[in-house]
Every structure is written in structure tokens, then in C-alpha cells.
Amino acid sequence: MTPADPGEAETATPPSLASAVSEAGALDLLMDMEMPVLVRFGSTRMLLRDLLALSAGSMVEFRRMPEDPVELLVNGRVVARGMVVVVQGNYGVRITEIVSPREAVVNGVGPVARPIRGNA
């Protein structure tokens, strides 16, 4: 047996994430990943002097009605909208609209959501 010529050495390339996900059942590997989920009740803009003047008891007013839907963000992107609910003393969100993947990519952050059909 002769040693392999270094010029003929086979280089092993590790599989990419894209090829791993494309294999059947590989998506299951990602299902246990935790993602940050945030509920946005509203937003506003304030002058720095007004922010610095805030103290305990200060009120920050949002331009939204209490019955307006809140936004559900995953990894900083709006993925759904819904209504705030209280379940056994804890806050929750009843999803009423889901953002399609196409809308999320085309519109970026804050895409228009579409209503869910049926009972919510």
C-alpha cells in the first residue's frame, strides 16, 4: 500500500444547514429551538427630554384603542395579530390574524396580516 499523493487528497466538506434541512425529517431537528416571542401593545415616539422626565406613576399614551389587536413578534418580525385575553389570572393573546410568509418577506417588519377563517 502506498501513501496517498497529497495532491489527490480528498477534502471532506461539511454539509450545509440548507442541505440538512432539505433532507426528509431534518426539519424535526429545528422544532425544539426556542425563539423569542414578544407581544407589542403599541408604540409611540417621544422627545428625549420627555423620556428623561418619566418617573414612577408617569403615563405613556399609545395611539390605539383597547380593543385594537396587538402584534405578536417572533425574532423581531410580526407573525400574527390578536386580542389580549386573561386565562386563569394570566395574560394571553388569542390569535385572530396570521401573516403569510410571503407578506413577511416582501413587506419586512410590520406586514399586513390576513384574518383567520372559522372559530377563533
PDB file of N, CA and C in Angstrom:
ATOM      1  N   MET A   1       0.836  -1.176   0.000  1.00  0.00           N
ATOM      2  CA  MET A   1       0.000   0.000   0.000  1.00  0.00           C
ATOM      3  C   MET A   1       0.879   1.237   0.000  1.00  0.00           C
ATOM      4  N   THR A   2       0.598   2.158  -0.873  1.00  0.00           N
ATOM      5  CA  THR A   2       1.396   3.372  -0.935  1.00  0.00           C
ATOM      6  C   THR A   2       0.603   4.526  -0.367  1.00  0.00           C
ATOM      7  N   PRO A   3       1.291   5.459   0.282  1.00  0.00           N
ATOM      8  CA  PRO A   3       0.571   6.623   0.818  1.00  0.00           C
ATOM      9  C   PRO A   3      -0.035   7.437  -0.308  1.00  0.00           C
ATOM     10  N   ALA A   4      -1.174   8.056   0.004  1.00  0.00           N
ATOM     11  CA  ALA A   4      -1.889   8.858  -0.999  1.00  0.00           C
ATOM     12  C   ALA A   4      -1.095  10.098  -1.328  1.00  0.00           C
ATOM     13  N   ASP A   5      -1.147  10.482  -2.570  1.00  0.00           N
ATOM     14  CA  ASP A   5      -0.491  11.708  -3.015  1.00  0.00           C
ATOM     15  C   ASP A   5      -1.249  12.893  -2.431  1.00  0.00           C
ATOM     16  N   PRO A   6      -0.535  13.846  -1.779  1.00  0.00           N
ATOM     17  CA  PRO A   6      -1.233  14.994  -1.185  1.00  0.00           C
ATOM     18  C   PRO A   6      -2.071  15.767  -2.188  1.00  0.00           C
ATOM     19  N   GLY A   7      -1.700  15.759  -3.437  1.00  0.00           N
ATOM     20  CA  GLY A   7      -2.481  16.452  -4.454  1.00  0.00           C
ATOM     21  C   GLY A   7      -3.800  15.766  -4.734  1.00  0.00           C
ATOM     22  N   GLU A   8      -3.890  14.484  -4.384  1.00  0.00           N
ATOM     23  CA  GLU A   8      -5.103  13.721  -4.626  1.00  0.00           C
ATOM     24  C   GLU A   8      -5.940  13.586  -3.366  1.00  0.00           C
ATOM     25  N   ALA A   9      -5.518  14.234  -2.303  1.00  0.00           N
ATOM     26  CA  ALA A   9      -6.233  14.104  -1.030  1.00  0.00           C
ATOM     27  C   ALA A   9      -7.663  14.574  -1.186  1.00  0.00           C
ATOM     28  N   GLU A  10      -8.560  13.795  -0.643  1.00  0.00           N
ATOM     29  CA  GLU A  10      -9.977  14.117  -0.710  1.00  0.00           C
ATOM     30  C   GLU A  10     -10.309  15.058   0.437  1.00  0.00           C
ATOM     31  N   THR A  11     -10.940  16.150   0.140  1.00  0.00           N
ATOM     32  CA  THR A  11     -11.325  17.073   1.203  1.00  0.00           C
ATOM     33  C   THR A  11     -12.787  16.855   1.524  1.00  0.00           C
ATOM     34  N   ALA A  12     -13.067  16.657   2.796  1.00  0.00           N
ATOM     35  CA  ALA A  12     -14.451  16.441   3.236  1.00  0.00           C
ATOM     36  C   ALA A  12     -15.076  17.785   3.536  1.00  0.00           C
ATOM     37  N   THR A  13     -16.165  18.078   2.869  1.00  0.00           N
ATOM     38  CA  THR A  13     -16.861  19.331   3.139  1.00  0.00           C
ATOM     39  C   THR A  13     -18.061  19.027   4.018  1.00  0.00           C
ATOM     40  N   PRO A  14     -18.181  19.752   5.119  1.00  0.00           N
ATOM     41  CA  PRO A  14     -19.319  19.502   5.998  1.00  0.00           C
ATOM     42  C   PRO A  14     -20.616  19.889   5.301  1.00  0.00           C
ATOM     43  N   PRO A  15     -21.694  19.168   5.577  1.00  0.00           N
ATOM     44  CA  PRO A  15     -22.978  19.510   4.950  1.00  0.00           C
ATOM     45  C   PRO A  15     -23.460  20.869   5.443  1.00  0.00           C
ATOM     46  N   SER A  16     -24.063  21.621   4.545  1.00  0.00           N
ATOM     47  CA  SER A  16     -24.585  22.926   4.928  1.00  0.00           C
ATOM     48  C   SER A  16     -25.926  22.760   5.632  1.00  0.00           C
ATOM     49  N   LEU A  17     -26.345  23.785   6.346  1.00  0.00           N
ATOM     50  CA  LEU A  17     -27.635  23.754   7.025  1.00  0.00           C
ATOM     51  C   LEU A  17     -28.760  23.590   6.010  1.00  0.00           C
ATOM     52  N   ALA A  18     -28.622  24.256   4.870  1.00  0.00           N
ATOM     53  CA  ALA A  18     -29.662  24.166   3.840  1.00  0.00           C
ATOM     54  C   ALA A  18     -29.831  22.730   3.351  1.00  0.00           C
ATOM     55  N   SER A  19     -28.718  22.022   3.146  1.00  0.00           N
ATOM     56  CA  SER A  19     -28.848  20.641   2.677  1.00  0.00           C
ATOM     57  C   SER A  19     -29.376  19.740   3.781  1.00  0.00           C
ATOM     58  N   ALA A  20     -29.033  20.043   5.037  1.00  0.00           N
ATOM     59  CA  ALA A  20     -29.542  19.237   6.153  1.00  0.00           C
ATOM     60  C   ALA A  20     -31.049  19.399   6.299  1.00  0.00           C
ATOM     61  N   VAL A  21     -31.538  20.627   6.136  1.00  0.00           N
ATOM     62  CA  VAL A  21     -32.968  20.883   6.278  1.00  0.00           C
ATOM     63  C   VAL A  21     -33.734  20.263   5.125  1.00  0.00           C
ATOM     64  N   SER A  22     -33.111  20.203   3.945  1.00  0.00           N
ATOM     65  CA  SER A  22     -33.821  19.658   2.797  1.00  0.00           C
ATOM     66  C   SER A  22     -33.997  18.144   2.876  1.00  0.00           C
ATOM     67  N   GLU A  23     -33.208  17.486   3.702  1.00  0.00           N
ATOM     68  CA  GLU A  23     -33.355  16.040   3.849  1.00  0.00           C
ATOM     69  C   GLU A  23     -34.639  15.735   4.596  1.00  0.00           C
ATOM     70  N   ALA A  24     -35.256  14.596   4.258  1.00  0.00           N
ATOM     71  CA  ALA A  24     -36.516  14.212   4.894  1.00  0.00           C
ATOM     72  C   ALA A  24     -36.320  14.068   6.395  1.00  0.00           C
ATOM     73  N   GLY A  25     -37.184  14.695   7.158  1.00  0.00           N
ATOM     74  CA  GLY A  25     -37.151  14.583   8.616  1.00  0.00           C
ATOM     75  C   GLY A  25     -36.150  15.500   9.287  1.00  0.00           C
ATOM     76  N   ALA A  26     -35.302  16.184   8.524  1.00  0.00           N
ATOM     77  CA  ALA A  26     -34.292  17.048   9.137  1.00  0.00           C
ATOM     78  C   ALA A  26     -34.921  18.281   9.785  1.00  0.00           C
ATOM     79  N   LEU A  27     -36.082  18.674   9.312  1.00  0.00           N
ATOM     80  CA  LEU A  27     -36.756  19.827   9.896  1.00  0.00           C
ATOM     81  C   LEU A  27     -37.118  19.558  11.355  1.00  0.00           C
ATOM     82  N   ASP A  28     -37.292  18.288  11.703  1.00  0.00           N
ATOM     83  CA  ASP A  28     -37.599  17.925  13.089  1.00  0.00           C
ATOM     84  C   ASP A  28     -36.504  18.380  14.044  1.00  0.00           C
ATOM     85  N   LEU A  29     -35.274  18.478  13.573  1.00  0.00           N
ATOM     86  CA  LEU A  29     -34.172  18.925  14.411  1.00  0.00           C
ATOM     87  C   LEU A  29     -34.380  20.359  14.891  1.00  0.00           C
ATOM     88  N   LEU A  30     -35.050  21.158  14.080  1.00  0.00           N
ATOM     89  CA  LEU A  30     -35.256  22.563  14.408  1.00  0.00           C
ATOM     90  C   LEU A  30     -36.467  22.801  15.303  1.00  0.00           C
ATOM     91  N   MET A  31     -37.341  21.825  15.419  1.00  0.00           N
ATOM     92  CA  MET A  31     -38.591  22.009  16.149  1.00  0.00           C
ATOM     93  C   MET A  31     -38.405  22.267  17.640  1.00  0.00           C
ATOM     94  N   ASP A  32     -37.281  21.902  18.222  1.00  0.00           N
ATOM     95  CA  ASP A  32     -37.045  22.124  19.640  1.00  0.00           C
ATOM     96  C   ASP A  32     -36.291  23.418  19.919  1.00  0.00           C
ATOM     97  N   MET A  33     -36.083  24.250  18.888  1.00  0.00           N
ATOM     98  CA  MET A  33     -35.392  25.528  19.086  1.00  0.00           C
ATOM     99  C   MET A  33     -36.332  26.527  19.741  1.00  0.00           C
ATOM    100  N   GLU A  34     -35.806  27.276  20.711  1.00  0.00           N
ATOM    101  CA  GLU A  34     -36.590  28.339  21.341  1.00  0.00           C
ATOM    102  C   GLU A  34     -36.406  29.629  20.553  1.00  0.00           C
ATOM    103  N   MET A  35     -37.499  30.366  20.394  1.00  0.00           N
ATOM    104  CA  MET A  35     -37.469  31.641  19.686  1.00  0.00           C
ATOM    105  C   MET A  35     -38.050  32.712  20.599  1.00  0.00           C
ATOM    106  N   PRO A  36     -37.498  33.919  20.570  1.00  0.00           N
ATOM    107  CA  PRO A  36     -38.065  34.989  21.387  1.00  0.00           C
ATOM    108  C   PRO A  36     -39.422  35.433  20.833  1.00  0.00           C
ATOM    109  N   VAL A  37     -40.429  35.476  21.694  1.00  0.00           N
ATOM    110  CA  VAL A  37     -41.774  35.897  21.302  1.00  0.00           C
ATOM    111  C   VAL A  37     -42.115  37.150  22.096  1.00  0.00           C
ATOM    112  N   LEU A  38     -42.603  38.169  21.417  1.00  0.00           N
ATOM    113  CA  LEU A  38     -42.908  39.451  22.032  1.00  0.00           C
ATOM    114  C   LEU A  38     -44.308  39.873  21.617  1.00  0.00           C
ATOM    115  N   VAL A  39     -45.070  40.423  22.545  1.00  0.00           N
ATOM    116  CA  VAL A  39     -46.383  40.981  22.233  1.00  0.00           C
ATOM    117  C   VAL A  39     -46.247  42.501  22.309  1.00  0.00           C
ATOM    118  N   ARG A  40     -46.585  43.165  21.208  1.00  0.00           N
ATOM    119  CA  ARG A  40     -46.483  44.625  21.156  1.00  0.00           C
ATOM    120  C   ARG A  40     -47.883  45.217  21.290  1.00  0.00           C
ATOM    121  N   PHE A  41     -48.099  45.921  22.391  1.00  0.00           N
ATOM    122  CA  PHE A  41     -49.386  46.556  22.653  1.00  0.00           C
ATOM    123  C   PHE A  41     -49.518  47.863  21.883  1.00  0.00           C
ATOM    124  N   GLY A  42     -48.429  48.506  21.635  1.00  0.00           N
ATOM    125  CA  GLY A  42     -48.461  49.775  20.922  1.00  0.00           C
ATOM    126  C   GLY A  42     -47.071  50.361  20.890  1.00  0.00           C
ATOM    127  N   SER A  43     -46.941  51.477  20.230  1.00  0.00           N
ATOM    128  CA  SER A  43     -45.659  52.173  20.204  1.00  0.00           C
ATOM    129  C   SER A  43     -45.937  53.658  20.037  1.00  0.00           C
ATOM    130  N   THR A  44     -44.964  54.439  20.412  1.00  0.00           N
ATOM    131  CA  THR A  44     -45.075  55.884  20.283  1.00  0.00           C
ATOM    132  C   THR A  44     -43.686  56.465  20.140  1.00  0.00           C
ATOM    133  N   ARG A  45     -43.612  57.714  19.789  1.00  0.00           N
ATOM    134  CA  ARG A  45     -42.336  58.432  19.699  1.00  0.00           C
ATOM    135  C   ARG A  45     -42.379  59.549  20.726  1.00  0.00           C
ATOM    136  N   MET A  46     -41.251  59.727  21.418  1.00  0.00           N
ATOM    137  CA  MET A  46     -41.175  60.772  22.446  1.00  0.00           C
ATOM    138  C   MET A  46     -39.847  61.499  22.317  1.00  0.00           C
ATOM    139  N   LEU A  47     -39.871  62.770  22.682  1.00  0.00           N
ATOM    140  CA  LEU A  47     -38.635  63.531  22.742  1.00  0.00           C
ATOM    141  C   LEU A  47     -37.792  63.009  23.899  1.00  0.00           C
ATOM    142  N   LEU A  48     -36.481  63.103  23.765  1.00  0.00           N
ATOM    143  CA  LEU A  48     -35.588  62.630  24.808  1.00  0.00           C
ATOM    144  C   LEU A  48     -35.866  63.334  26.130  1.00  0.00           C
ATOM    145  N   ARG A  49     -36.159  64.641  26.091  1.00  0.00           N
ATOM    146  CA  ARG A  49     -36.430  65.370  27.341  1.00  0.00           C
ATOM    147  C   ARG A  49     -37.669  64.821  28.045  1.00  0.00           C
ATOM    148  N   ASP A  50     -38.677  64.367  27.242  1.00  0.00           N
ATOM    149  CA  ASP A  50     -39.887  63.793  27.827  1.00  0.00           C
ATOM    150  C   ASP A  50     -39.607  62.405  28.410  1.00  0.00           C
ATOM    151  N   LEU A  51     -38.744  61.636  27.740  1.00  0.00           N
ATOM    152  CA  LEU A  51     -38.357  60.326  28.274  1.00  0.00           C
ATOM    153  C   LEU A  51     -37.624  60.481  29.601  1.00  0.00           C
ATOM    154  N   LEU A  52     -36.719  61.437  29.662  1.00  0.00           N
ATOM    155  CA  LEU A  52     -35.943  61.643  30.882  1.00  0.00           C
ATOM    156  C   LEU A  52     -36.798  62.168  32.028  1.00  0.00           C
ATOM    157  N   ALA A  53     -37.935  62.756  31.701  1.00  0.00           N
ATOM    158  CA  ALA A  53     -38.823  63.285  32.734  1.00  0.00           C
ATOM    159  C   ALA A  53     -39.744  62.215  33.315  1.00  0.00           C
ATOM    160  N   LEU A  54     -39.762  61.007  32.732  1.00  0.00           N
ATOM    161  CA  LEU A  54     -40.621  59.937  33.240  1.00  0.00           C
ATOM    162  C   LEU A  54     -40.174  59.493  34.626  1.00  0.00           C
ATOM    163  N   SER A  55     -41.158  59.183  35.453  1.00  0.00           N
ATOM    164  CA  SER A  55     -40.871  58.660  36.792  1.00  0.00           C
ATOM    165  C   SER A  55     -41.992  57.695  37.159  1.00  0.00           C
ATOM    166  N   ALA A  56     -41.879  57.068  38.308  1.00  0.00           N
ATOM    167  CA  ALA A  56     -42.920  56.147  38.760  1.00  0.00           C
ATOM    168  C   ALA A  56     -44.251  56.892  38.789  1.00  0.00           C
ATOM    169  N   GLY A  57     -45.270  56.317  38.183  1.00  0.00           N
ATOM    170  CA  GLY A  57     -46.583  56.949  38.123  1.00  0.00           C
ATOM    171  C   GLY A  57     -46.828  57.727  36.837  1.00  0.00           C
ATOM    172  N   SER A  58     -45.796  57.952  36.032  1.00  0.00           N
ATOM    173  CA  SER A  58     -45.969  58.654  34.757  1.00  0.00           C
ATOM    174  C   SER A  58     -46.806  57.793  33.821  1.00  0.00           C
ATOM    175  N   MET A  59     -47.531  58.447  32.933  1.00  0.00           N
ATOM    176  CA  MET A  59     -48.355  57.745  31.947  1.00  0.00           C
ATOM    177  C   MET A  59     -47.754  57.962  30.560  1.00  0.00           C
ATOM    178  N   VAL A  60     -47.644  56.895  29.798  1.00  0.00           N
ATOM    179  CA  VAL A  60     -47.229  56.975  28.403  1.00  0.00           C
ATOM    180  C   VAL A  60     -48.431  56.537  27.587  1.00  0.00           C
ATOM    181  N   GLU A  61     -48.908  57.445  26.744  1.00  0.00           N
ATOM    182  CA  GLU A  61     -50.121  57.179  25.978  1.00  0.00           C
ATOM    183  C   GLU A  61     -49.777  56.639  24.600  1.00  0.00           C
ATOM    184  N   PHE A  62     -50.481  55.563  24.198  1.00  0.00           N
ATOM    185  CA  PHE A  62     -50.316  54.982  22.871  1.00  0.00           C
ATOM    186  C   PHE A  62     -51.526  55.354  22.033  1.00  0.00           C
ATOM    187  N   ARG A  63     -51.306  55.540  20.750  1.00  0.00           N
ATOM    188  CA  ARG A  63     -52.402  55.890  19.839  1.00  0.00           C
ATOM    189  C   ARG A  63     -53.098  54.622  19.359  1.00  0.00           C
ATOM    190  N   ARG A  64     -53.797  53.983  20.273  1.00  0.00           N
ATOM    191  CA  ARG A  64     -54.551  52.775  19.923  1.00  0.00           C
ATOM    192  C   ARG A  64     -55.688  52.628  20.910  1.00  0.00           C
ATOM    193  N   MET A  65     -56.731  51.968  20.473  1.00  0.00           N
ATOM    194  CA  MET A  65     -57.878  51.700  21.328  1.00  0.00           C
ATOM    195  C   MET A  65     -57.637  50.380  22.055  1.00  0.00           C
ATOM    196  N   PRO A  66     -58.206  50.207  23.252  1.00  0.00           N
ATOM    197  CA  PRO A  66     -58.005  48.944  23.978  1.00  0.00           C
ATOM    198  C   PRO A  66     -58.455  47.712  23.203  1.00  0.00           C
ATOM    199  N   GLU A  67     -59.447  47.862  22.325  1.00  0.00           N
ATOM    200  CA  GLU A  67     -59.935  46.710  21.555  1.00  0.00           C
ATOM    201  C   GLU A  67     -59.137  46.458  20.276  1.00  0.00           C
ATOM    202  N   ASP A  68     -58.182  47.335  19.947  1.00  0.00           N
ATOM    203  CA  ASP A  68     -57.344  47.129  18.767  1.00  0.00           C
ATOM    204  C   ASP A  68     -56.468  45.894  18.965  1.00  0.00           C
ATOM    205  N   PRO A  69     -56.172  45.158  17.871  1.00  0.00           N
ATOM    206  CA  PRO A  69     -55.328  43.968  18.002  1.00  0.00           C
ATOM    207  C   PRO A  69     -53.897  44.324  18.403  1.00  0.00           C
ATOM    208  N   VAL A  70     -53.269  43.418  19.147  1.00  0.00           N
ATOM    209  CA  VAL A  70     -51.857  43.550  19.488  1.00  0.00           C
ATOM    210  C   VAL A  70     -51.069  42.740  18.455  1.00  0.00           C
ATOM    211  N   GLU A  71     -49.784  43.031  18.337  1.00  0.00           N
ATOM    212  CA  GLU A  71     -48.941  42.323  17.373  1.00  0.00           C
ATOM    213  C   GLU A  71     -48.095  41.286  18.089  1.00  0.00           C
ATOM    214  N   LEU A  72     -47.984  40.117  17.509  1.00  0.00           N
ATOM    215  CA  LEU A  72     -47.136  39.051  18.028  1.00  0.00           C
ATOM    216  C   LEU A  72     -45.892  39.004  17.151  1.00  0.00           C
ATOM    217  N   LEU A  73     -44.734  39.235  17.762  1.00  0.00           N
ATOM    218  CA  LEU A  73     -43.477  39.250  17.022  1.00  0.00           C
ATOM    219  C   LEU A  73     -42.628  38.050  17.421  1.00  0.00           C
ATOM    220  N   VAL A  74     -42.012  37.422  16.446  1.00  0.00           N
ATOM    221  CA  VAL A  74     -41.058  36.342  16.682  1.00  0.00           C
ATOM    222  C   VAL A  74     -39.758  36.771  16.024  1.00  0.00           C
ATOM    223  N   ASN A  75     -38.718  36.833  16.838  1.00  0.00           N
ATOM    224  CA  ASN A  75     -37.414  37.264  16.335  1.00  0.00           C
ATOM    225  C   ASN A  75     -37.491  38.651  15.689  1.00  0.00           C
ATOM    226  N   GLY A  76     -38.305  39.535  16.241  1.00  0.00           N
ATOM    227  CA  GLY A  76     -38.406  40.898  15.747  1.00  0.00           C
ATOM    228  C   GLY A  76     -39.316  41.099  14.553  1.00  0.00           C
ATOM    229  N   ARG A  77     -39.972  40.058  14.071  1.00  0.00           N
ATOM    230  CA  ARG A  77     -40.869  40.169  12.913  1.00  0.00           C
ATOM    231  C   ARG A  77     -42.301  39.897  13.322  1.00  0.00           C
ATOM    232  N   VAL A  78     -43.228  40.700  12.800  1.00  0.00           N
ATOM    233  CA  VAL A  78     -44.648  40.488  13.065  1.00  0.00           C
ATOM    234  C   VAL A  78     -45.069  39.210  12.352  1.00  0.00           C
ATOM    235  N   VAL A  79     -45.583  38.249  13.121  1.00  0.00           N
ATOM    236  CA  VAL A  79     -46.045  36.996  12.528  1.00  0.00           C
ATOM    237  C   VAL A  79     -47.551  36.824  12.686  1.00  0.00           C
ATOM    238  N   ALA A  80     -48.156  37.574  13.619  1.00  0.00           N
ATOM    239  CA  ALA A  80     -49.598  37.438  13.849  1.00  0.00           C
ATOM    240  C   ALA A  80     -50.105  38.648  14.607  1.00  0.00           C
ATOM    241  N   ARG A  81     -51.427  38.773  14.639  1.00  0.00           N
ATOM    242  CA  ARG A  81     -52.103  39.788  15.455  1.00  0.00           C
ATOM    243  C   ARG A  81     -53.207  39.090  16.222  1.00  0.00           C
ATOM    244  N   GLY A  82     -53.588  39.670  17.338  1.00  0.00           N
ATOM    245  CA  GLY A  82     -54.633  39.043  18.132  1.00  0.00           C
ATOM    246  C   GLY A  82     -55.155  39.948  19.226  1.00  0.00           C
ATOM    247  N   MET A  83     -56.034  39.394  20.031  1.00  0.00           N
ATOM    248  CA  MET A  83     -56.673  40.132  21.117  1.00  0.00           C
ATOM    249  C   MET A  83     -56.111  39.658  22.451  1.00  0.00           C
ATOM    250  N   VAL A  84     -55.922  40.594  23.365  1.00  0.00           N
ATOM    251  CA  VAL A  84     -55.437  40.255  24.704  1.00  0.00           C
ATOM    252  C   VAL A  84     -56.567  39.581  25.469  1.00  0.00           C
ATOM    253  N   VAL A  85     -56.249  38.476  26.142  1.00  0.00           N
ATOM    254  CA  VAL A  85     -57.217  37.753  26.962  1.00  0.00           C
ATOM    255  C   VAL A  85     -56.566  37.465  28.317  1.00  0.00           C
ATOM    256  N   VAL A  86     -57.403  37.173  29.296  1.00  0.00           N
ATOM    257  CA  VAL A  86     -56.916  36.754  30.609  1.00  0.00           C
ATOM    258  C   VAL A  86     -57.375  35.310  30.808  1.00  0.00           C
ATOM    259  N   VAL A  87     -56.416  34.416  31.060  1.00  0.00           N
ATOM    260  CA  VAL A  87     -56.701  32.999  31.250  1.00  0.00           C
ATOM    261  C   VAL A  87     -56.168  32.593  32.623  1.00  0.00           C
ATOM    262  N   GLN A  88     -57.078  32.241  33.522  1.00  0.00           N
ATOM    263  CA  GLN A  88     -56.721  31.836  34.883  1.00  0.00           C
ATOM    264  C   GLN A  88     -55.770  32.836  35.538  1.00  0.00           C
ATOM    265  N   GLY A  89     -56.079  34.108  35.385  1.00  0.00           N
ATOM    266  CA  GLY A  89     -55.287  35.161  36.015  1.00  0.00           C
ATOM    267  C   GLY A  89     -54.024  35.556  35.273  1.00  0.00           C
ATOM    268  N   ASN A  90     -53.736  34.942  34.128  1.00  0.00           N
ATOM    269  CA  ASN A  90     -52.556  35.271  33.327  1.00  0.00           C
ATOM    270  C   ASN A  90     -52.986  35.892  32.010  1.00  0.00           C
ATOM    271  N   TYR A  91     -52.159  36.820  31.513  1.00  0.00           N
ATOM    272  CA  TYR A  91     -52.430  37.420  30.212  1.00  0.00           C
ATOM    273  C   TYR A  91     -52.082  36.431  29.110  1.00  0.00           C
ATOM    274  N   GLY A  92     -52.819  36.511  28.009  1.00  0.00           N
ATOM    275  CA  GLY A  92     -52.553  35.706  26.828  1.00  0.00           C
ATOM    276  C   GLY A  92     -52.985  36.477  25.602  1.00  0.00           C
ATOM    277  N   VAL A  93     -52.766  35.896  24.444  1.00  0.00           N
ATOM    278  CA  VAL A  93     -53.182  36.506  23.178  1.00  0.00           C
ATOM    279  C   VAL A  93     -53.951  35.467  22.383  1.00  0.00           C
ATOM    280  N   ARG A  94     -55.186  35.804  22.010  1.00  0.00           N
ATOM    281  CA  ARG A  94     -55.971  34.956  21.111  1.00  0.00           C
ATOM    282  C   ARG A  94     -55.645  35.415  19.697  1.00  0.00           C
ATOM    283  N   ILE A  95     -55.020  34.543  18.921  1.00  0.00           N
ATOM    284  CA  ILE A  95     -54.595  34.877  17.559  1.00  0.00           C
ATOM    285  C   ILE A  95     -55.822  35.029  16.672  1.00  0.00           C
ATOM    286  N   THR A  96     -55.899  36.167  15.972  1.00  0.00           N
ATOM    287  CA  THR A  96     -57.001  36.420  15.043  1.00  0.00           C
ATOM    288  C   THR A  96     -56.523  36.582  13.604  1.00  0.00           C
ATOM    289  N   GLU A  97     -55.235  36.870  13.419  1.00  0.00           N
ATOM    290  CA  GLU A  97     -54.673  37.060  12.080  1.00  0.00           C
ATOM    291  C   GLU A  97     -53.279  36.448  12.040  1.00  0.00           C
ATOM    292  N   ILE A  98     -52.966  35.776  10.932  1.00  0.00           N
ATOM    293  CA  ILE A  98     -51.638  35.216  10.704  1.00  0.00           C
ATOM    294  C   ILE A  98     -51.037  35.904   9.487  1.00  0.00           C
ATOM    295  N   VAL A  99     -49.779  36.284   9.581  1.00  0.00           N
ATOM    296  CA  VAL A  99     -49.082  36.888   8.452  1.00  0.00           C
ATOM    297  C   VAL A  99     -48.527  35.769   7.591  1.00  0.00           C
ATOM    298  N   SER A 100     -48.781  35.821   6.291  1.00  0.00           N
ATOM    299  CA  SER A 100     -48.258  34.788   5.393  1.00  0.00           C
ATOM    300  C   SER A 100     -46.756  34.971   5.258  1.00  0.00           C
ATOM    301  N   PRO A 101     -46.009  33.889   5.038  1.00  0.00           N
ATOM    302  CA  PRO A 101     -44.558  34.006   4.856  1.00  0.00           C
ATOM    303  C   PRO A 101     -44.193  34.951   3.721  1.00  0.00           C
ATOM    304  N   ARG A 102     -44.971  34.944   2.648  1.00  0.00           N
ATOM    305  CA  ARG A 102     -44.684  35.835   1.517  1.00  0.00           C
ATOM    306  C   ARG A 102     -44.806  37.298   1.942  1.00  0.00           C
ATOM    307  N   GLU A 103     -45.871  37.626   2.683  1.00  0.00           N
ATOM    308  CA  GLU A 103     -46.046  39.005   3.150  1.00  0.00           C
ATOM    309  C   GLU A 103     -44.918  39.412   4.081  1.00  0.00           C
ATOM    310  N   ALA A 104     -44.492  38.495   4.947  1.00  0.00           N
ATOM    311  CA  ALA A 104     -43.429  38.802   5.894  1.00  0.00           C
ATOM    312  C   ALA A 104     -42.129  39.124   5.171  1.00  0.00           C
ATOM    313  N   VAL A 105     -41.828  38.398   4.094  1.00  0.00           N
ATOM    314  CA  VAL A 105     -40.598  38.628   3.345  1.00  0.00           C
ATOM    315  C   VAL A 105     -40.711  39.887   2.493  1.00  0.00           C
ATOM    316  N   VAL A 106     -41.829  40.043   1.787  1.00  0.00           N
ATOM    317  CA  VAL A 106     -41.998  41.181   0.879  1.00  0.00           C
ATOM    318  C   VAL A 106     -42.095  42.492   1.645  1.00  0.00           C
ATOM    319  N   ASN A 107     -42.887  42.509   2.722  1.00  0.00           N
ATOM    320  CA  ASN A 107     -43.142  43.745   3.434  1.00  0.00           C
ATOM    321  C   ASN A 107     -42.176  44.005   4.577  1.00  0.00           C
ATOM    322  N   GLY A 108     -41.385  43.034   4.977  1.00  0.00           N
ATOM    323  CA  GLY A 108     -40.452  43.226   6.080  1.00  0.00           C
ATOM    324  C   GLY A 108     -41.179  43.317   7.396  1.00  0.00           C
ATOM    325  N   VAL A 109     -40.662  44.132   8.307  1.00  0.00           N
ATOM    326  CA  VAL A 109     -41.264  44.273   9.630  1.00  0.00           C
ATOM    327  C   VAL A 109     -42.595  44.994   9.509  1.00  0.00           C
ATOM    328  N   GLY A 110     -43.601  44.488  10.206  1.00  0.00           N
ATOM    329  CA  GLY A 110     -44.913  45.115  10.223  1.00  0.00           C
ATOM    330  C   GLY A 110     -45.776  44.823   9.023  1.00  0.00           C
ATOM    331  N   PRO A 111     -45.738  43.592   8.468  1.00  0.00           N
ATOM    332  CA  PRO A 111     -46.560  43.309   7.298  1.00  0.00           C
ATOM    333  C   PRO A 111     -48.039  43.272   7.636  1.00  0.00           C
ATOM    334  N   VAL A 112     -48.866  43.378   6.596  1.00  0.00           N
ATOM    335  CA  VAL A 112     -50.307  43.300   6.773  1.00  0.00           C
ATOM    336  C   VAL A 112     -50.671  41.851   7.037  1.00  0.00           C
ATOM    337  N   ALA A 113     -51.470  41.615   8.066  1.00  0.00           N
ATOM    338  CA  ALA A 113     -51.877  40.247   8.404  1.00  0.00           C
ATOM    339  C   ALA A 113     -53.198  39.947   7.726  1.00  0.00           C
ATOM    340  N   ARG A 114     -53.500  38.661   7.585  1.00  0.00           N
ATOM    341  CA  ARG A 114     -54.772  38.262   6.995  1.00  0.00           C
ATOM    342  C   ARG A 114     -55.623  37.589   8.059  1.00  0.00           C
ATOM    343  N   PRO A 115     -56.934  37.780   8.011  1.00  0.00           N
ATOM    344  CA  PRO A 115     -57.796  37.187   9.039  1.00  0.00           C
ATOM    345  C   PRO A 115     -57.825  35.668   8.949  1.00  0.00           C
ATOM    346  N   ILE A 116     -57.982  35.019  10.097  1.00  0.00           N
ATOM    347  CA  ILE A 116     -58.159  33.568  10.150  1.00  0.00           C
ATOM    348  C   ILE A 116     -59.630  33.287   9.928  1.00  0.00           C
ATOM    349  N   ARG A 117     -59.926  32.305   9.108  1.00  0.00           N
ATOM    350  CA  ARG A 117     -61.308  31.919   8.856  1.00  0.00           C
ATOM    351  C   ARG A 117     -61.737  30.888   9.894  1.00  0.00           C
ATOM    352  N   GLY A 118     -62.999  30.919  10.293  1.00  0.00           N
ATOM    353  CA  GLY A 118     -63.503  29.928  11.231  1.00  0.00           C
ATOM    354  C   GLY A 118     -63.539  30.456  12.658  1.00  0.00           C
ATOM    355  N   ASN A 119     -63.723  29.565  13.607  1.00  0.00           N
ATOM    356  CA  ASN A 119     -63.797  29.939  15.009  1.00  0.00           C
ATOM    357  C   ASN A 119     -62.428  30.245  15.558  1.00  0.00           C
ATOM    358  N   ALA A 120     -62.326  31.345  16.289  1.00  0.00           N
ATOM    359  CA  ALA A 120     -61.043  31.718  16.902  1.00  0.00           C
ATOM    360  C   ALA A 120     -61.157  31.638  18.391  1.00  0.00           C
TER     361      ALA A 120
END
